[in-house]
Amino acid sequence: MQIEAAVSKFDIEVDGRLVPAESGQTIAAALIGAGIAVFGHTATGAPRGIFCGMGVCFDCLVTVDGLADQRACMTPARRGMRVQTRSTEGD
């Protein structure tokens, strides 16, 4: 008999809007699941989001609860967290 872990569903706030997430997901997984693929832009305007998905490239940097430069692909989503992508910087 296989026992499955209970999945907790909750929202995280991303750039002022609520995004659904589940226990065990990273911020990046929650964003991709919500259709958010661009987390910022390069100095020349090229879009940036998930590239390597394993914390090597740093293309997915976001600010989490006021702490800048967190890798979305490596940071677990938590109930009530506030995330700011770089796509809103300078607005």
PDB file of N, CA and C in Angstrom:
ATOM      1  N   MET A   1       0.831  -1.180   0.000  1.00  0.00           N
ATOM      2  CA  MET A   1       0.000   0.000   0.000  1.00  0.00           C
ATOM      3  C   MET A   1       0.879   1.249   0.000  1.00  0.00           C
ATOM      4  N   GLN A   2       0.613   2.145  -0.911  1.00  0.00           N
ATOM      5  CA  GLN A   2       1.396   3.369  -1.024  1.00  0.00           C
ATOM      6  C   GLN A   2       0.662   4.511  -0.333  1.00  0.00           C
ATOM      7  N   ILE A   3       1.392   5.253   0.480  1.00  0.00           N
ATOM      8  CA  ILE A   3       0.809   6.394   1.177  1.00  0.00           C
ATOM      9  C   ILE A   3       1.280   7.658   0.488  1.00  0.00           C
ATOM     10  N   GLU A   4       0.341   8.509   0.106  1.00  0.00           N
ATOM     11  CA  GLU A   4       0.684   9.756  -0.556  1.00  0.00           C
ATOM     12  C   GLU A   4       0.689  10.893   0.460  1.00  0.00           C
ATOM     13  N   ALA A   5       1.663  11.781   0.321  1.00  0.00           N
ATOM     14  CA  ALA A   5       1.731  12.947   1.200  1.00  0.00           C
ATOM     15  C   ALA A   5       0.622  13.926   0.830  1.00  0.00           C
ATOM     16  N   ALA A   6       0.040  14.529   1.828  1.00  0.00           N
ATOM     17  CA  ALA A   6      -0.992  15.527   1.588  1.00  0.00           C
ATOM     18  C   ALA A   6      -0.369  16.763   0.951  1.00  0.00           C
ATOM     19  N   VAL A   7      -1.023  17.289  -0.055  1.00  0.00           N
ATOM     20  CA  VAL A   7      -0.540  18.485  -0.731  1.00  0.00           C
ATOM     21  C   VAL A   7      -1.294  19.680  -0.171  1.00  0.00           C
ATOM     22  N   SER A   8      -0.551  20.640   0.302  1.00  0.00           N
ATOM     23  CA  SER A   8      -1.129  21.870   0.817  1.00  0.00           C
ATOM     24  C   SER A   8      -1.141  22.906  -0.292  1.00  0.00           C
ATOM     25  N   LYS A   9      -2.285  23.508  -0.541  1.00  0.00           N
ATOM     26  CA  LYS A   9      -2.397  24.555  -1.566  1.00  0.00           C
ATOM     27  C   LYS A   9      -2.546  25.901  -0.872  1.00  0.00           C
ATOM     28  N   PHE A  10      -1.894  26.902  -1.432  1.00  0.00           N
ATOM     29  CA  PHE A  10      -1.909  28.238  -0.856  1.00  0.00           C
ATOM     30  C   PHE A  10      -1.538  29.237  -1.942  1.00  0.00           C
ATOM     31  N   ASP A  11      -1.594  30.513  -1.621  1.00  0.00           N
ATOM     32  CA  ASP A  11      -1.213  31.561  -2.559  1.00  0.00           C
ATOM     33  C   ASP A  11       0.065  32.243  -2.091  1.00  0.00           C
ATOM     34  N   ILE A  12       0.852  32.699  -3.062  1.00  0.00           N
ATOM     35  CA  ILE A  12       1.963  33.592  -2.785  1.00  0.00           C
ATOM     36  C   ILE A  12       1.667  34.885  -3.537  1.00  0.00           C
ATOM     37  N   GLU A  13       2.160  35.987  -3.036  1.00  0.00           N
ATOM     38  CA  GLU A  13       1.947  37.262  -3.711  1.00  0.00           C
ATOM     39  C   GLU A  13       3.133  37.542  -4.618  1.00  0.00           C
ATOM     40  N   VAL A  14       2.858  37.748  -5.893  1.00  0.00           N
ATOM     41  CA  VAL A  14       3.912  38.007  -6.878  1.00  0.00           C
ATOM     42  C   VAL A  14       3.576  39.305  -7.596  1.00  0.00           C
ATOM     43  N   ASP A  15       4.434  40.290  -7.416  1.00  0.00           N
ATOM     44  CA  ASP A  15       4.231  41.603  -8.047  1.00  0.00           C
ATOM     45  C   ASP A  15       2.831  42.139  -7.765  1.00  0.00           C
ATOM     46  N   GLY A  16       2.342  41.898  -6.559  1.00  0.00           N
ATOM     47  CA  GLY A  16       1.051  42.432  -6.143  1.00  0.00           C
ATOM     48  C   GLY A  16      -0.159  41.594  -6.482  1.00  0.00           C
ATOM     49  N   ARG A  17       0.044  40.460  -7.138  1.00  0.00           N
ATOM     50  CA  ARG A  17      -1.105  39.597  -7.460  1.00  0.00           C
ATOM     51  C   ARG A  17      -0.918  38.232  -6.825  1.00  0.00           C
ATOM     52  N   LEU A  18      -2.022  37.565  -6.529  1.00  0.00           N
ATOM     53  CA  LEU A  18      -1.952  36.251  -5.907  1.00  0.00           C
ATOM     54  C   LEU A  18      -1.717  35.175  -6.955  1.00  0.00           C
ATOM     55  N   VAL A  19      -0.776  34.303  -6.660  1.00  0.00           N
ATOM     56  CA  VAL A  19      -0.417  33.193  -7.544  1.00  0.00           C
ATOM     57  C   VAL A  19      -0.564  31.899  -6.747  1.00  0.00           C
ATOM     58  N   PRO A  20      -1.293  30.921  -7.271  1.00  0.00           N
ATOM     59  CA  PRO A  20      -1.444  29.656  -6.543  1.00  0.00           C
ATOM     60  C   PRO A  20      -0.140  28.867  -6.499  1.00  0.00           C
ATOM     61  N   ALA A  21       0.080  28.206  -5.373  1.00  0.00           N
ATOM     62  CA  ALA A  21       1.264  27.365  -5.199  1.00  0.00           C
ATOM     63  C   ALA A  21       0.859  26.140  -4.386  1.00  0.00           C
ATOM     64  N   GLU A  22       1.731  25.143  -4.383  1.00  0.00           N
ATOM     65  CA  GLU A  22       1.503  23.916  -3.620  1.00  0.00           C
ATOM     66  C   GLU A  22       2.753  23.586  -2.826  1.00  0.00           C
ATOM     67  N   SER A  23       2.558  22.893  -1.726  1.00  0.00           N
ATOM     68  CA  SER A  23       3.700  22.454  -0.931  1.00  0.00           C
ATOM     69  C   SER A  23       4.629  21.634  -1.821  1.00  0.00           C
ATOM     70  N   GLY A  24       5.914  21.856  -1.665  1.00  0.00           N
ATOM     71  CA  GLY A  24       6.907  21.134  -2.454  1.00  0.00           C
ATOM     72  C   GLY A  24       7.313  21.850  -3.726  1.00  0.00           C
ATOM     73  N   GLN A  25       6.575  22.885  -4.126  1.00  0.00           N
ATOM     74  CA  GLN A  25       6.927  23.635  -5.330  1.00  0.00           C
ATOM     75  C   GLN A  25       7.949  24.716  -5.010  1.00  0.00           C
ATOM     76  N   THR A  26       8.769  25.023  -5.993  1.00  0.00           N
ATOM     77  CA  THR A  26       9.622  26.200  -5.888  1.00  0.00           C
ATOM     78  C   THR A  26       8.810  27.408  -6.349  1.00  0.00           C
ATOM     79  N   ILE A  27       9.350  28.586  -6.097  1.00  0.00           N
ATOM     80  CA  ILE A  27       8.704  29.798  -6.604  1.00  0.00           C
ATOM     81  C   ILE A  27       8.610  29.720  -8.118  1.00  0.00           C
ATOM     82  N   ALA A  28       9.678  29.282  -8.764  1.00  0.00           N
ATOM     83  CA  ALA A  28       9.693  29.191 -10.225  1.00  0.00           C
ATOM     84  C   ALA A  28       8.592  28.272 -10.740  1.00  0.00           C
ATOM     85  N   ALA A  29       8.391  27.139 -10.103  1.00  0.00           N
ATOM     86  CA  ALA A  29       7.337  26.214 -10.534  1.00  0.00           C
ATOM     87  C   ALA A  29       5.968  26.850 -10.405  1.00  0.00           C
ATOM     88  N   ALA A  30       5.735  27.574  -9.311  1.00  0.00           N
ATOM     89  CA  ALA A  30       4.454  28.251  -9.128  1.00  0.00           C
ATOM     90  C   ALA A  30       4.253  29.320 -10.197  1.00  0.00           C
ATOM     91  N   LEU A  31       5.309  30.083 -10.498  1.00  0.00           N
ATOM     92  CA  LEU A  31       5.192  31.124 -11.522  1.00  0.00           C
ATOM     93  C   LEU A  31       4.919  30.531 -12.901  1.00  0.00           C
ATOM     94  N   ILE A  32       5.660  29.511 -13.257  1.00  0.00           N
ATOM     95  CA  ILE A  32       5.440  28.866 -14.555  1.00  0.00           C
ATOM     96  C   ILE A  32       4.029  28.289 -14.622  1.00  0.00           C
ATOM     97  N   GLY A  33       3.578  27.668 -13.531  1.00  0.00           N
ATOM     98  CA  GLY A  33       2.218  27.127 -13.482  1.00  0.00           C
ATOM     99  C   GLY A  33       1.152  28.189 -13.663  1.00  0.00           C
ATOM    100  N   ALA A  34       1.464  29.428 -13.275  1.00  0.00           N
ATOM    101  CA  ALA A  34       0.526  30.538 -13.417  1.00  0.00           C
ATOM    102  C   ALA A  34       0.697  31.270 -14.744  1.00  0.00           C
ATOM    103  N   GLY A  35       1.583  30.751 -15.601  1.00  0.00           N
ATOM    104  CA  GLY A  35       1.784  31.365 -16.914  1.00  0.00           C
ATOM    105  C   GLY A  35       2.753  32.537 -16.907  1.00  0.00           C
ATOM    106  N   ILE A  36       3.512  32.694 -15.828  1.00  0.00           N
ATOM    107  CA  ILE A  36       4.493  33.782 -15.741  1.00  0.00           C
ATOM    108  C   ILE A  36       5.862  33.210 -16.086  1.00  0.00           C
ATOM    109  N   ALA A  37       6.359  33.539 -17.265  1.00  0.00           N
ATOM    110  CA  ALA A  37       7.621  32.971 -17.728  1.00  0.00           C
ATOM    111  C   ALA A  37       8.763  33.977 -17.713  1.00  0.00           C
ATOM    112  N   VAL A  38       8.450  35.268 -17.677  1.00  0.00           N
ATOM    113  CA  VAL A  38       9.481  36.304 -17.688  1.00  0.00           C
ATOM    114  C   VAL A  38       9.586  36.886 -16.291  1.00  0.00           C
ATOM    115  N   PHE A  39      10.777  36.774 -15.707  1.00  0.00           N
ATOM    116  CA  PHE A  39      11.011  37.273 -14.343  1.00  0.00           C
ATOM    117  C   PHE A  39      11.804  38.573 -14.352  1.00  0.00           C
ATOM    118  N   GLY A  40      12.321  38.957 -15.495  1.00  0.00           N
ATOM    119  CA  GLY A  40      13.114  40.177 -15.613  1.00  0.00           C
ATOM    120  C   GLY A  40      13.664  40.324 -17.010  1.00  0.00           C
ATOM    121  N   HIS A  41      14.517  41.326 -17.188  1.00  0.00           N
ATOM    122  CA  HIS A  41      15.107  41.594 -18.500  1.00  0.00           C
ATOM    123  C   HIS A  41      16.583  41.951 -18.333  1.00  0.00           C
ATOM    124  N   THR A  42      17.352  41.690 -19.367  1.00  0.00           N
ATOM    125  CA  THR A  42      18.756  42.087 -19.370  1.00  0.00           C
ATOM    126  C   THR A  42      18.843  43.589 -19.628  1.00  0.00           C
ATOM    127  N   ALA A  43      20.041  44.130 -19.565  1.00  0.00           N
ATOM    128  CA  ALA A  43      20.243  45.560 -19.825  1.00  0.00           C
ATOM    129  C   ALA A  43      19.806  45.943 -21.238  1.00  0.00           C
ATOM    130  N   THR A  44      19.839  44.989 -22.156  1.00  0.00           N
ATOM    131  CA  THR A  44      19.428  45.273 -23.537  1.00  0.00           C
ATOM    132  C   THR A  44      17.957  44.981 -23.782  1.00  0.00           C
ATOM    133  N   GLY A  45      17.246  44.518 -22.743  1.00  0.00           N
ATOM    134  CA  GLY A  45      15.813  44.288 -22.872  1.00  0.00           C
ATOM    135  C   GLY A  45      15.406  42.859 -23.150  1.00  0.00           C
ATOM    136  N   ALA A  46      16.364  41.941 -23.246  1.00  0.00           N
ATOM    137  CA  ALA A  46      16.026  40.532 -23.503  1.00  0.00           C
ATOM    138  C   ALA A  46      15.343  39.935 -22.268  1.00  0.00           C
ATOM    139  N   PRO A  47      14.266  39.177 -22.466  1.00  0.00           N
ATOM    140  CA  PRO A  47      13.562  38.590 -21.329  1.00  0.00           C
ATOM    141  C   PRO A  47      14.381  37.510 -20.632  1.00  0.00           C
ATOM    142  N   ARG A  48      14.196  37.406 -19.317  1.00  0.00           N
ATOM    143  CA  ARG A  48      14.870  36.390 -18.516  1.00  0.00           C
ATOM    144  C   ARG A  48      13.850  35.678 -17.653  1.00  0.00           C
ATOM    145  N   GLY A  49      14.042  34.384 -17.487  1.00  0.00           N
ATOM    146  CA  GLY A  49      13.159  33.566 -16.653  1.00  0.00           C
ATOM    147  C   GLY A  49      13.909  32.315 -16.266  1.00  0.00           C
ATOM    148  N   ILE A  50      13.252  31.183 -16.336  1.00  0.00           N
ATOM    149  CA  ILE A  50      13.907  29.921 -16.016  1.00  0.00           C
ATOM    150  C   ILE A  50      14.772  29.511 -17.199  1.00  0.00           C
ATOM    151  N   PHE A  51      16.023  29.238 -16.936  1.00  0.00           N
ATOM    152  CA  PHE A  51      16.917  28.749 -17.974  1.00  0.00           C
ATOM    153  C   PHE A  51      17.432  27.367 -17.595  1.00  0.00           C
ATOM    154  N   CYS A  52      18.212  27.301 -16.528  1.00  0.00           N
ATOM    155  CA  CYS A  52      18.794  26.001 -16.156  1.00  0.00           C
ATOM    156  C   CYS A  52      17.900  25.229 -15.192  1.00  0.00           C
ATOM    157  N   GLY A  53      17.150  25.935 -14.346  1.00  0.00           N
ATOM    158  CA  GLY A  53      16.245  25.274 -13.410  1.00  0.00           C
ATOM    159  C   GLY A  53      16.938  24.567 -12.253  1.00  0.00           C
ATOM    160  N   MET A  54      18.259  24.779 -12.103  1.00  0.00           N
ATOM    161  CA  MET A  54      18.965  24.100 -11.017  1.00  0.00           C
ATOM    162  C   MET A  54      19.936  25.016 -10.282  1.00  0.00           C
ATOM    163  N   GLY A  55      19.723  26.331 -10.373  1.00  0.00           N
ATOM    164  CA  GLY A  55      20.484  27.273  -9.574  1.00  0.00           C
ATOM    165  C   GLY A  55      21.851  27.649 -10.077  1.00  0.00           C
ATOM    166  N   VAL A  56      22.167  27.355 -11.328  1.00  0.00           N
ATOM    167  CA  VAL A  56      23.498  27.632 -11.850  1.00  0.00           C
ATOM    168  C   VAL A  56      23.557  28.968 -12.599  1.00  0.00           C
ATOM    169  N   CYS A  57      22.529  29.307 -13.341  1.00  0.00           N
ATOM    170  CA  CYS A  57      22.625  30.443 -14.265  1.00  0.00           C
ATOM    171  C   CYS A  57      22.210  31.786 -13.669  1.00  0.00           C
ATOM    172  N   PHE A  58      21.427  31.822 -12.631  1.00  0.00           N
ATOM    173  CA  PHE A  58      20.981  33.054 -11.976  1.00  0.00           C
ATOM    174  C   PHE A  58      20.076  33.926 -12.851  1.00  0.00           C
ATOM    175  N   ASP A  59      19.449  33.364 -13.868  1.00  0.00           N
ATOM    176  CA  ASP A  59      18.509  34.129 -14.697  1.00  0.00           C
ATOM    177  C   ASP A  59      17.168  34.338 -14.002  1.00  0.00           C
ATOM    178  N   CYS A  60      16.882  33.576 -12.969  1.00  0.00           N
ATOM    179  CA  CYS A  60      15.565  33.614 -12.329  1.00  0.00           C
ATOM    180  C   CYS A  60      15.566  34.376 -11.003  1.00  0.00           C
ATOM    181  N   LEU A  61      16.490  35.312 -10.820  1.00  0.00           N
ATOM    182  CA  LEU A  61      16.575  36.032  -9.554  1.00  0.00           C
ATOM    183  C   LEU A  61      15.319  36.859  -9.287  1.00  0.00           C
ATOM    184  N   VAL A  62      14.836  36.786  -8.066  1.00  0.00           N
ATOM    185  CA  VAL A  62      13.671  37.537  -7.614  1.00  0.00           C
ATOM    186  C   VAL A  62      13.970  38.071  -6.209  1.00  0.00           C
ATOM    187  N   THR A  63      13.123  38.961  -5.740  1.00  0.00           N
ATOM    188  CA  THR A  63      13.195  39.434  -4.365  1.00  0.00           C
ATOM    189  C   THR A  63      12.104  38.723  -3.579  1.00  0.00           C
ATOM    190  N   VAL A  64      12.470  38.111  -2.458  1.00  0.00           N
ATOM    191  CA  VAL A  64      11.528  37.350  -1.636  1.00  0.00           C
ATOM    192  C   VAL A  64      11.459  37.979  -0.249  1.00  0.00           C
ATOM    193  N   ASP A  65      10.280  38.452   0.113  1.00  0.00           N
ATOM    194  CA  ASP A  65      10.079  39.078   1.424  1.00  0.00           C
ATOM    195  C   ASP A  65      11.152  40.119   1.725  1.00  0.00           C
ATOM    196  N   GLY A  66      11.491  40.918   0.700  1.00  0.00           N
ATOM    197  CA  GLY A  66      12.456  41.995   0.854  1.00  0.00           C
ATOM    198  C   GLY A  66      13.909  41.596   0.683  1.00  0.00           C
ATOM    199  N   LEU A  67      14.187  40.307   0.529  1.00  0.00           N
ATOM    200  CA  LEU A  67      15.559  39.817   0.368  1.00  0.00           C
ATOM    201  C   LEU A  67      15.843  39.638  -1.125  1.00  0.00           C
ATOM    202  N   ALA A  68      16.703  40.495  -1.658  1.00  0.00           N
ATOM    203  CA  ALA A  68      16.968  40.509  -3.104  1.00  0.00           C
ATOM    204  C   ALA A  68      17.823  39.330  -3.544  1.00  0.00           C
ATOM    205  N   ASP A  69      17.800  39.081  -4.853  1.00  0.00           N
ATOM    206  CA  ASP A  69      18.682  38.122  -5.530  1.00  0.00           C
ATOM    207  C   ASP A  69      18.530  36.689  -5.042  1.00  0.00           C
ATOM    208  N   GLN A  70      17.293  36.255  -4.891  1.00  0.00           N
ATOM    209  CA  GLN A  70      17.008  34.865  -4.530  1.00  0.00           C
ATOM    210  C   GLN A  70      16.683  34.093  -5.799  1.00  0.00           C
ATOM    211  N   ARG A  71      17.213  32.900  -5.929  1.00  0.00           N
ATOM    212  CA  ARG A  71      16.951  32.089  -7.118  1.00  0.00           C
ATOM    213  C   ARG A  71      15.572  31.436  -6.996  1.00  0.00           C
ATOM    214  N   ALA A  72      14.673  31.805  -7.894  1.00  0.00           N
ATOM    215  CA  ALA A  72      13.305  31.289  -7.859  1.00  0.00           C
ATOM    216  C   ALA A  72      13.267  29.781  -8.061  1.00  0.00           C
ATOM    217  N   CYS A  73      14.237  29.251  -8.803  1.00  0.00           N
ATOM    218  CA  CYS A  73      14.246  27.813  -9.081  1.00  0.00           C
ATOM    219  C   CYS A  73      14.727  26.987  -7.894  1.00  0.00           C
ATOM    220  N   MET A  74      15.302  27.645  -6.894  1.00  0.00           N
ATOM    221  CA  MET A  74      15.841  26.929  -5.737  1.00  0.00           C
ATOM    222  C   MET A  74      15.111  27.263  -4.437  1.00  0.00           C
ATOM    223  N   THR A  75      14.225  28.241  -4.465  1.00  0.00           N
ATOM    224  CA  THR A  75      13.558  28.702  -3.253  1.00  0.00           C
ATOM    225  C   THR A  75      12.164  28.104  -3.146  1.00  0.00           C
ATOM    226  N   PRO A  76      11.910  27.337  -2.094  1.00  0.00           N
ATOM    227  CA  PRO A  76      10.578  26.746  -1.923  1.00  0.00           C
ATOM    228  C   PRO A  76       9.518  27.829  -1.701  1.00  0.00           C
ATOM    229  N   ALA A  77       8.378  27.646  -2.316  1.00  0.00           N
ATOM    230  CA  ALA A  77       7.246  28.542  -2.087  1.00  0.00           C
ATOM    231  C   ALA A  77       6.698  28.284  -0.688  1.00  0.00           C
ATOM    232  N   ARG A  78       6.373  29.373   0.021  1.00  0.00           N
ATOM    233  CA  ARG A  78       5.805  29.271   1.362  1.00  0.00           C
ATOM    234  C   ARG A  78       4.541  30.120   1.437  1.00  0.00           C
ATOM    235  N   ARG A  79       3.622  29.656   2.202  1.00  0.00           N
ATOM    236  CA  ARG A  79       2.368  30.390   2.416  1.00  0.00           C
ATOM    237  C   ARG A  79       2.687  31.824   2.869  1.00  0.00           C
ATOM    238  N   GLY A  80       2.050  32.789   2.205  1.00  0.00           N
ATOM    239  CA  GLY A  80       2.169  34.185   2.609  1.00  0.00           C
ATOM    240  C   GLY A  80       3.404  34.919   2.129  1.00  0.00           C
ATOM    241  N   MET A  81       4.283  34.261   1.373  1.00  0.00           N
ATOM    242  CA  MET A  81       5.491  34.962   0.929  1.00  0.00           C
ATOM    243  C   MET A  81       5.150  36.005  -0.117  1.00  0.00           C
ATOM    244  N   ARG A  82       5.988  37.043  -0.154  1.00  0.00           N
ATOM    245  CA  ARG A  82       5.828  38.122  -1.129  1.00  0.00           C
ATOM    246  C   ARG A  82       7.040  38.119  -2.051  1.00  0.00           C
ATOM    247  N   VAL A  83       6.770  37.998  -3.332  1.00  0.00           N
ATOM    248  CA  VAL A  83       7.825  37.888  -4.344  1.00  0.00           C
ATOM    249  C   VAL A  83       7.713  39.071  -5.303  1.00  0.00           C
ATOM    250  N   GLN A  84       8.847  39.642  -5.618  1.00  0.00           N
ATOM    251  CA  GLN A  84       8.873  40.689  -6.648  1.00  0.00           C
ATOM    252  C   GLN A  84       9.837  40.239  -7.731  1.00  0.00           C
ATOM    253  N   THR A  85       9.321  40.150  -8.944  1.00  0.00           N
ATOM    254  CA  THR A  85      10.194  39.815 -10.067  1.00  0.00           C
ATOM    255  C   THR A  85      10.914  41.076 -10.521  1.00  0.00           C
ATOM    256  N   ARG A  86      11.912  40.879 -11.339  1.00  0.00           N
ATOM    257  CA  ARG A  86      12.638  42.028 -11.868  1.00  0.00           C
ATOM    258  C   ARG A  86      11.907  42.655 -13.036  1.00  0.00           C
ATOM    259  N   SER A  87      10.806  42.064 -13.457  1.00  0.00           N
ATOM    260  CA  SER A  87      10.049  42.618 -14.577  1.00  0.00           C
ATOM    261  C   SER A  87       9.324  43.889 -14.172  1.00  0.00           C
ATOM    262  N   THR A  88       9.213  44.158 -12.865  1.00  0.00           N
ATOM    263  CA  THR A  88       8.519  45.362 -12.401  1.00  0.00           C
ATOM    264  C   THR A  88       9.468  46.434 -11.899  1.00  0.00           C
ATOM    265  N   GLU A  89      10.771  46.183 -11.890  1.00  0.00           N
ATOM    266  CA  GLU A  89      11.722  47.168 -11.389  1.00  0.00           C
ATOM    267  C   GLU A  89      11.674  48.426 -12.239  1.00  0.00           C
ATOM    268  N   GLY A  90      11.738  49.549 -11.564  1.00  0.00           N
ATOM    269  CA  GLY A  90      11.734  50.823 -12.265  1.00  0.00           C
ATOM    270  C   GLY A  90      10.346  51.333 -12.591  1.00  0.00           C
ATOM    271  N   ASP A  91       9.309  50.580 -12.261  1.00  0.00           N
ATOM    272  CA  ASP A  91       7.940  51.046 -12.527  1.00  0.00           C
ATOM    273  C   ASP A  91       7.518  52.078 -11.514  1.00  0.00           C
TER     274      ASP A  91
END
